[in-house]
Amino acid sequence: MRTLLARLAMLLFLGPGLLLLTVAGVEAQDTWSFYFTPQVWLENVRNSGFAPTTNAGGTTLGTTGYSVVPTTYLRTDGSQATSDFFPQWGGQFAALYGRWTFGVGSQYLHYETTQDFFIQAQSIFFCGADAMGGPRCAGPGNTSHFTPSLFGAKLFTEKTSTDRVDTDASATYLFPDVIKDVLDVTTGLGFKWIRASGQRTLINNGAHTNSFPGVPSFSYILKSCGNPQSFATSVDAGSLDPSNCQRNQASFLDQFYGMTIPSTFTLRPFRESNWHFPITMSPFLGYEQRTDQILGPATSFASGGTFDIGVRYIFSNGIGVYAGWRGQAFNGINLFFSQGPLVNLSVALGGK
């Protein structure tokens, strides 16, 4: 099965290239023209695959005085974007020679997500000399003690801030009148590089105080334990320096490299009209490499692509305006998916 998929993927990439070699030079004119196209895409980030959610806590309980909260025992409602739309700014430069188009482009996106962690019955342990404690605390015969009024309280929030830069290069060829007076097709090959970097920040939601049997005033506050994977609570909140206990940060870098097949199907039901109705698809096949201070390093085969549908109007001076909708998905180590409206403006820079 994998062999068959590999052969299909190879044909998917080689097919357009062979077709381009077959028709290269047909009716081509030795003139150059150049275009610049700034754009903005308002992305609704549904799955933040470049910075996936994590249970960021440790699994080892401490000794007298404090205990580590294993966040595998904390309840979370999952990751949520901090805004409905994040603007992705970008631009493309294209050089046209006959039916050939050679393009390069770059886009920048900044987006943020948050994930809340809540206390449940297995979250809080106390280790101390009075023989109270969780199942992994020191001392024989220790039992776990929980205060039900604590359950459901939000302990901390993980905020993830991501900066993503996309770089694209492509060569495409135009096939006019694939359906006479109705449909033009452009296809080719390209390369895409995605670099997503950022930071995870654990934000303490304040100290909480409650009574445990035999302990009149039990306080807990988020405390960094010296590495990004463990966070502690303390029975002596007064001994903790708030400036060292309210945040813990970790960075990550996620990169995609791969080939694309940019293809556009332009409907022109009225051949002499300035209205065009393009549908663009750009499948992606490549490789993902991630380094993350919390999740660790990982690599994966990656696939996905971008889909656009919209309408373009070309003015008599050559300026083109476009409005449409874009959806994008990449699946590697995790799934990234976003969608939203896209607008751009094409300006001719001249040529000869």
Protein backbone atom coordinates (compact mmCIF):
# COMPACT_ATOMS: atom_id res chain seq x y z
CA MET A 1 0.00 0.00 0.00
CA ARG A 2 2.80 2.41 0.91
CA THR A 3 4.59 1.57 -2.35
CA LEU A 4 1.43 2.36 -4.32
CA LEU A 5 1.00 5.67 -2.50
CA ALA A 6 4.64 6.56 -3.15
CA ARG A 7 4.21 5.87 -6.87
CA LEU A 8 1.04 7.95 -7.01
CA ALA A 9 2.80 10.81 -5.22
CA MET A 10 5.70 10.59 -7.69
CA LEU A 11 3.32 10.74 -10.65
CA LEU A 12 1.51 13.65 -9.03
CA PHE A 13 4.72 15.67 -9.03
CA LEU A 14 6.29 14.48 -12.27
CA GLY A 15 3.12 14.68 -14.36
CA PRO A 16 2.87 18.50 -14.53
CA GLY A 17 6.61 18.78 -15.09
CA LEU A 18 6.56 16.40 -18.05
CA LEU A 19 3.55 18.20 -19.47
CA LEU A 20 5.36 21.52 -19.21
CA LEU A 21 8.41 20.14 -21.00
CA THR A 22 6.18 18.87 -23.81
CA VAL A 23 4.52 22.21 -24.51
CA ALA A 24 7.38 24.55 -23.62
CA GLY A 25 7.96 27.18 -26.25
CA VAL A 26 4.65 26.70 -28.06
CA GLU A 27 3.38 30.13 -29.14
CA ALA A 28 5.67 31.76 -26.58
CA GLN A 29 6.71 35.35 -27.20
CA ASP A 30 10.12 36.67 -26.22
CA THR A 31 8.78 39.54 -24.11
CA TRP A 32 8.91 40.02 -20.36
CA SER A 33 6.38 41.66 -18.06
CA PHE A 34 6.48 42.02 -14.28
CA TYR A 35 3.80 42.20 -11.58
CA PHE A 36 3.72 42.83 -7.85
CA THR A 37 0.76 41.58 -5.79
CA PRO A 38 0.41 42.65 -2.13
CA GLN A 39 -2.24 40.76 -0.19
CA VAL A 40 -3.84 40.25 3.20
CA TRP A 41 -5.53 37.07 4.38
CA LEU A 42 -7.68 37.18 7.51
CA GLU A 43 -7.06 33.75 9.02
CA ASN A 44 -9.39 31.99 11.39
CA VAL A 45 -7.02 29.47 13.01
CA ARG A 46 -9.01 26.33 13.83
CA ASN A 47 -6.12 23.91 14.58
CA SER A 48 -2.78 25.38 15.64
CA GLY A 49 -0.65 22.48 14.45
CA PHE A 50 2.63 24.40 14.47
CA ALA A 51 2.20 24.95 18.22
CA PRO A 52 0.02 22.08 19.47
CA THR A 53 -1.49 22.00 22.92
CA THR A 54 0.34 20.19 25.68
CA ASN A 55 -0.04 18.92 29.20
CA ALA A 56 3.02 20.80 30.34
CA GLY A 57 3.45 19.49 33.88
CA GLY A 58 5.74 17.03 35.54
CA THR A 59 4.98 13.59 36.95
CA THR A 60 7.26 13.43 40.00
CA LEU A 61 5.99 14.44 43.43
CA GLY A 62 8.25 16.44 45.66
CA THR A 63 9.14 16.06 49.35
CA THR A 64 8.40 18.07 52.47
CA GLY A 65 7.01 21.54 51.82
CA TYR A 66 5.60 21.30 48.30
CA SER A 67 4.42 18.88 45.68
CA VAL A 68 4.55 18.88 41.91
CA VAL A 69 1.22 19.05 40.10
CA PRO A 70 1.16 16.46 37.31
CA THR A 71 -0.86 18.25 34.65
CA THR A 72 -1.88 14.94 33.14
CA TYR A 73 -4.33 15.01 36.07
CA LEU A 74 -5.52 18.54 35.35
CA ARG A 75 -8.65 19.09 33.28
CA THR A 76 -8.41 21.25 30.17
CA ASP A 77 -10.99 22.37 27.66
CA GLY A 78 -8.40 22.49 24.88
CA SER A 79 -6.77 25.29 22.95
CA GLN A 80 -8.64 28.40 21.82
CA ALA A 81 -7.47 31.20 19.50
CA THR A 82 -7.39 34.63 21.15
CA SER A 83 -9.02 36.27 18.10
CA ASP A 84 -11.50 35.27 15.41
CA PHE A 85 -9.13 36.47 12.70
CA PHE A 86 -5.38 37.07 12.47
CA PRO A 87 -4.10 39.04 9.44
CA GLN A 88 -1.48 37.34 7.30
CA TRP A 89 0.37 40.01 5.32
CA GLY A 90 2.32 39.14 2.21
CA GLY A 91 3.22 39.80 -1.37
CA GLN A 92 4.26 38.05 -4.56
CA PHE A 93 6.54 39.13 -7.38
CA ALA A 94 5.93 37.54 -10.79
CA ALA A 95 7.86 37.65 -14.07
CA LEU A 96 5.92 36.63 -17.19
CA TYR A 97 7.59 35.43 -20.38
CA GLY A 98 5.15 34.29 -23.01
CA ARG A 99 2.96 31.72 -21.31
CA TRP A 100 5.49 31.13 -18.52
CA THR A 101 5.20 32.74 -15.08
CA PHE A 102 8.06 32.69 -12.57
CA GLY A 103 7.01 33.79 -9.10
CA VAL A 104 8.40 34.27 -5.60
CA GLY A 105 6.43 35.33 -2.56
CA SER A 106 6.46 35.62 1.20
CA GLN A 107 3.78 35.93 3.89
CA TYR A 108 3.90 36.70 7.62
CA LEU A 109 1.38 35.65 10.28
CA HIS A 110 1.30 36.17 14.05
CA TYR A 111 -1.32 34.33 16.08
CA GLU A 112 -1.94 33.37 19.70
CA THR A 113 -3.80 30.56 21.45
CA THR A 114 -4.57 29.86 25.11
CA GLN A 115 -5.34 26.71 27.07
CA ASP A 116 -6.72 26.72 30.64
CA PHE A 117 -5.92 24.00 33.21
CA PHE A 118 -8.40 23.26 36.02
CA ILE A 119 -8.02 21.32 39.29
CA GLN A 120 -9.73 17.98 39.66
CA ALA A 121 -9.62 15.30 42.37
CA GLN A 122 -6.23 13.81 41.43
CA SER A 123 -4.46 17.19 41.03
CA ILE A 124 -3.37 18.18 44.53
CA PHE A 125 -1.04 16.18 46.78
CA PHE A 126 0.63 17.21 50.01
CA CYS A 127 3.91 15.68 51.21
CA GLY A 128 5.03 16.42 54.74
CA ALA A 129 6.17 15.15 58.11
CA ASP A 130 2.60 14.80 59.40
CA ALA A 131 2.11 11.64 57.32
CA MET A 132 -0.33 13.29 54.89
CA GLY A 133 0.33 12.84 51.26
CA GLY A 134 -0.34 11.32 47.89
CA PRO A 135 0.37 7.78 46.79
CA ARG A 136 3.94 8.62 45.70
CA CYS A 137 4.87 10.69 48.76
CA ALA A 138 7.53 9.49 51.21
CA GLY A 139 6.47 7.43 54.19
CA PRO A 140 4.43 4.24 54.66
CA GLY A 141 0.70 4.38 55.10
CA ASN A 142 0.27 7.86 53.65
CA THR A 143 -3.15 8.73 52.30
CA SER A 144 -4.33 11.36 49.85
CA HIS A 145 -6.33 14.32 51.17
CA PHE A 146 -8.32 16.58 48.84
CA THR A 147 -10.58 19.56 49.47
CA PRO A 148 -13.67 19.35 47.24
CA SER A 149 -14.10 23.13 47.23
CA LEU A 150 -10.84 23.37 45.25
CA PHE A 151 -12.11 21.23 42.38
CA GLY A 152 -12.87 23.18 39.23
CA ALA A 153 -10.62 26.12 40.11
CA LYS A 154 -8.39 27.33 37.28
CA LEU A 155 -4.76 26.77 38.28
CA PHE A 156 -2.95 28.33 35.31
CA THR A 157 -3.21 29.20 31.61
CA GLU A 158 -0.82 28.19 28.85
CA LYS A 159 -0.49 30.97 26.27
CA THR A 160 1.20 30.14 22.97
CA SER A 161 2.44 32.92 20.69
CA THR A 162 3.48 31.93 17.16
CA ASP A 163 5.26 33.83 14.37
CA ARG A 164 5.01 32.11 11.00
CA VAL A 165 6.79 33.04 7.76
CA ASP A 166 5.98 31.31 4.45
CA THR A 167 8.33 31.52 1.45
CA ASP A 168 7.25 30.23 -1.98
CA ALA A 169 8.85 29.92 -5.42
CA SER A 170 7.17 28.51 -8.52
CA ALA A 171 7.24 28.16 -12.31
CA THR A 172 3.89 27.72 -14.10
CA TYR A 173 2.66 27.49 -17.69
CA LEU A 174 -0.62 28.75 -19.15
CA PHE A 175 -2.90 26.56 -21.28
CA PRO A 176 -5.52 28.89 -22.79
CA ASP A 177 -8.91 27.69 -24.01
CA VAL A 178 -8.76 24.23 -22.47
CA ILE A 179 -12.51 24.61 -22.88
CA LYS A 180 -12.84 27.08 -25.74
CA ASP A 181 -13.88 30.56 -24.63
CA VAL A 182 -14.68 29.26 -21.15
CA LEU A 183 -11.68 27.81 -19.24
CA ASP A 184 -7.96 28.56 -19.02
CA VAL A 185 -5.63 26.36 -16.96
CA THR A 186 -2.28 27.21 -15.39
CA THR A 187 -0.13 24.55 -13.72
CA GLY A 188 3.48 24.01 -12.73
CA LEU A 189 5.86 23.14 -9.91
CA GLY A 190 7.00 25.01 -6.84
CA PHE A 191 8.83 24.92 -3.52
CA LYS A 192 7.46 25.97 -0.12
CA TRP A 193 9.25 26.66 3.18
CA ILE A 194 7.30 27.38 6.37
CA ARG A 195 9.09 28.59 9.49
CA ALA A 196 6.93 28.81 12.63
CA SER A 197 8.60 29.88 15.87
CA GLY A 198 7.31 31.13 19.16
CA GLN A 199 6.97 30.79 22.89
CA ARG A 200 4.75 29.02 25.40
CA THR A 201 4.03 30.94 28.60
CA LEU A 202 2.40 29.45 31.69
CA ILE A 203 0.53 32.20 33.52
CA ASN A 204 -0.39 31.71 37.17
CA ASN A 205 -3.99 32.59 38.01
CA GLY A 206 -3.18 33.62 41.58
CA ALA A 207 -2.56 31.93 44.93
CA HIS A 208 -5.41 29.96 46.51
CA THR A 209 -5.85 29.07 50.16
CA ASN A 210 -7.88 26.22 51.63
CA SER A 211 -7.89 24.04 54.74
CA PHE A 212 -6.72 20.43 54.82
CA PRO A 213 -7.24 18.13 57.81
CA GLY A 214 -4.49 18.96 60.27
CA VAL A 215 -3.25 21.91 58.18
CA PRO A 216 -5.19 25.08 59.05
CA SER A 217 -4.03 27.15 56.08
CA PHE A 218 -2.98 25.34 52.92
CA SER A 219 -1.89 27.66 50.11
CA TYR A 220 -0.83 26.77 46.62
CA ILE A 221 0.81 28.91 44.00
CA LEU A 222 2.37 28.04 40.67
CA LYS A 223 6.14 27.74 40.94
CA SER A 224 8.79 27.00 38.35
CA CYS A 225 10.70 23.86 39.28
CA GLY A 226 13.77 24.48 37.13
CA ASN A 227 12.57 22.92 33.89
CA PRO A 228 9.63 23.52 31.54
CA GLN A 229 7.93 20.25 32.45
CA SER A 230 7.31 20.62 36.19
CA PHE A 231 5.34 23.17 38.18
CA ALA A 232 4.92 23.08 41.94
CA THR A 233 2.47 24.10 44.61
CA SER A 234 3.67 25.31 47.99
CA VAL A 235 2.21 25.14 51.50
CA ASP A 236 4.30 28.18 52.37
CA ALA A 237 3.31 30.76 49.77
CA GLY A 238 4.96 33.50 51.76
CA SER A 239 8.40 31.99 51.16
CA LEU A 240 8.01 32.16 47.37
CA ASP A 241 9.15 35.15 45.38
CA PRO A 242 6.12 36.11 43.23
CA SER A 243 8.40 37.33 40.45
CA ASN A 244 9.78 33.78 40.12
CA CYS A 245 6.50 31.94 40.59
CA GLN A 246 4.02 33.48 38.19
CA ARG A 247 5.40 32.54 34.78
CA ASN A 248 7.35 29.84 33.06
CA GLN A 249 8.34 30.06 29.39
CA ALA A 250 9.56 27.66 26.74
CA SER A 251 10.32 28.18 23.05
CA PHE A 252 9.73 26.08 19.92
CA LEU A 253 10.65 26.03 16.23
CA ASP A 254 8.69 24.13 13.57
CA GLN A 255 9.75 24.04 9.91
CA PHE A 256 8.16 22.55 6.77
CA TYR A 257 9.98 21.97 3.47
CA GLY A 258 8.31 20.58 0.39
CA MET A 259 7.20 20.64 -3.23
CA THR A 260 3.96 22.22 -4.43
CA ILE A 261 1.86 21.94 -7.59
CA PRO A 262 0.28 25.39 -8.01
CA SER A 263 -2.65 25.05 -10.41
CA THR A 264 -5.31 27.62 -11.37
CA PHE A 265 -8.53 27.04 -13.27
CA THR A 266 -9.84 30.38 -14.56
CA LEU A 267 -13.45 30.50 -15.71
CA ARG A 268 -14.14 33.21 -18.29
CA PRO A 269 -17.74 32.72 -19.42
CA PHE A 270 -17.57 36.07 -21.22
CA ARG A 271 -14.28 36.01 -23.11
CA GLU A 272 -14.19 39.76 -23.75
CA SER A 273 -15.15 40.62 -20.16
CA ASN A 274 -12.69 41.91 -17.56
CA TRP A 275 -14.22 39.57 -14.96
CA HIS A 276 -12.31 36.37 -14.13
CA PHE A 277 -13.34 33.58 -11.75
CA PRO A 278 -10.17 31.72 -10.65
CA ILE A 279 -10.06 28.54 -8.58
CA THR A 280 -6.53 27.81 -7.29
CA MET A 281 -5.21 24.63 -5.68
CA SER A 282 -1.66 24.13 -4.44
CA PRO A 283 -1.05 20.59 -3.05
CA PHE A 284 1.97 20.21 -0.76
CA LEU A 285 4.15 17.18 -0.12
CA GLY A 286 7.21 17.40 2.08
CA TYR A 287 8.92 17.10 5.45
CA GLU A 288 8.44 18.60 8.93
CA GLN A 289 11.10 19.14 11.59
CA ARG A 290 10.25 20.42 15.07
CA THR A 291 12.22 21.33 18.19
CA ASP A 292 10.20 22.14 21.31
CA GLN A 293 11.45 22.65 24.89
CA ILE A 294 8.31 20.98 26.23
CA LEU A 295 7.28 18.43 23.58
CA GLY A 296 10.84 17.61 22.50
CA PRO A 297 12.22 17.09 18.97
CA ALA A 298 10.21 15.33 16.29
CA THR A 299 10.14 14.82 12.51
CA SER A 300 7.41 13.69 10.15
CA PHE A 301 6.32 13.31 6.55
CA ALA A 302 3.98 16.24 5.82
CA SER A 303 1.19 16.81 3.34
CA GLY A 304 -1.56 19.32 2.76
CA GLY A 305 -2.18 22.34 0.61
CA THR A 306 -3.97 25.60 -0.04
CA PHE A 307 -7.30 26.16 -1.78
CA ASP A 308 -8.56 29.54 -3.08
CA ILE A 309 -11.81 30.53 -4.77
CA GLY A 310 -12.79 34.07 -5.70
CA VAL A 311 -13.33 36.71 -8.36
CA ARG A 312 -10.87 39.06 -10.09
CA TYR A 313 -11.49 42.23 -12.09
CA ILE A 314 -8.86 43.59 -14.49
CA PHE A 315 -8.97 47.32 -15.19
CA SER A 316 -7.99 48.78 -18.55
CA ASN A 317 -4.67 50.00 -17.08
CA GLY A 318 -3.72 46.42 -16.11
CA ILE A 319 -4.38 46.71 -12.39
CA GLY A 320 -6.26 43.70 -11.03
CA VAL A 321 -8.25 43.43 -7.80
CA TYR A 322 -9.21 40.11 -6.21
CA ALA A 323 -11.52 39.04 -3.39
CA GLY A 324 -12.10 35.47 -2.31
CA TRP A 325 -11.86 32.79 0.34
CA ARG A 326 -8.85 30.65 1.27
CA GLY A 327 -8.58 27.42 3.21
CA GLN A 328 -5.26 25.85 4.22
CA ALA A 329 -4.32 22.58 5.92
CA PHE A 330 -0.99 20.91 6.71
CA ASN A 331 -0.81 17.54 8.43
CA GLY A 332 2.50 16.33 9.82
CA ILE A 333 3.24 15.85 13.50
CA ASN A 334 -0.03 17.67 14.17
CA LEU A 335 -2.80 19.19 12.05
CA PHE A 336 -2.84 22.88 11.15
CA PHE A 337 -6.03 24.23 9.61
CA SER A 338 -7.16 27.80 8.94
CA GLN A 339 -9.61 29.60 6.68
CA GLY A 340 -10.86 33.08 5.93
CA PRO A 341 -11.30 35.91 3.40
CA LEU A 342 -8.43 37.00 1.15
CA VAL A 343 -7.94 40.20 -0.87
CA ASN A 344 -5.08 41.31 -3.10
CA LEU A 345 -4.09 43.87 -5.71
CA SER A 346 -1.93 43.16 -8.80
CA VAL A 347 0.11 46.03 -10.22
CA ALA A 348 2.07 45.90 -13.47
CA LEU A 349 5.68 47.05 -13.09
CA GLY A 350 6.41 47.20 -16.80
CA GLY A 351 8.58 45.11 -19.05
CA LYS A 352 9.93 44.85 -22.54
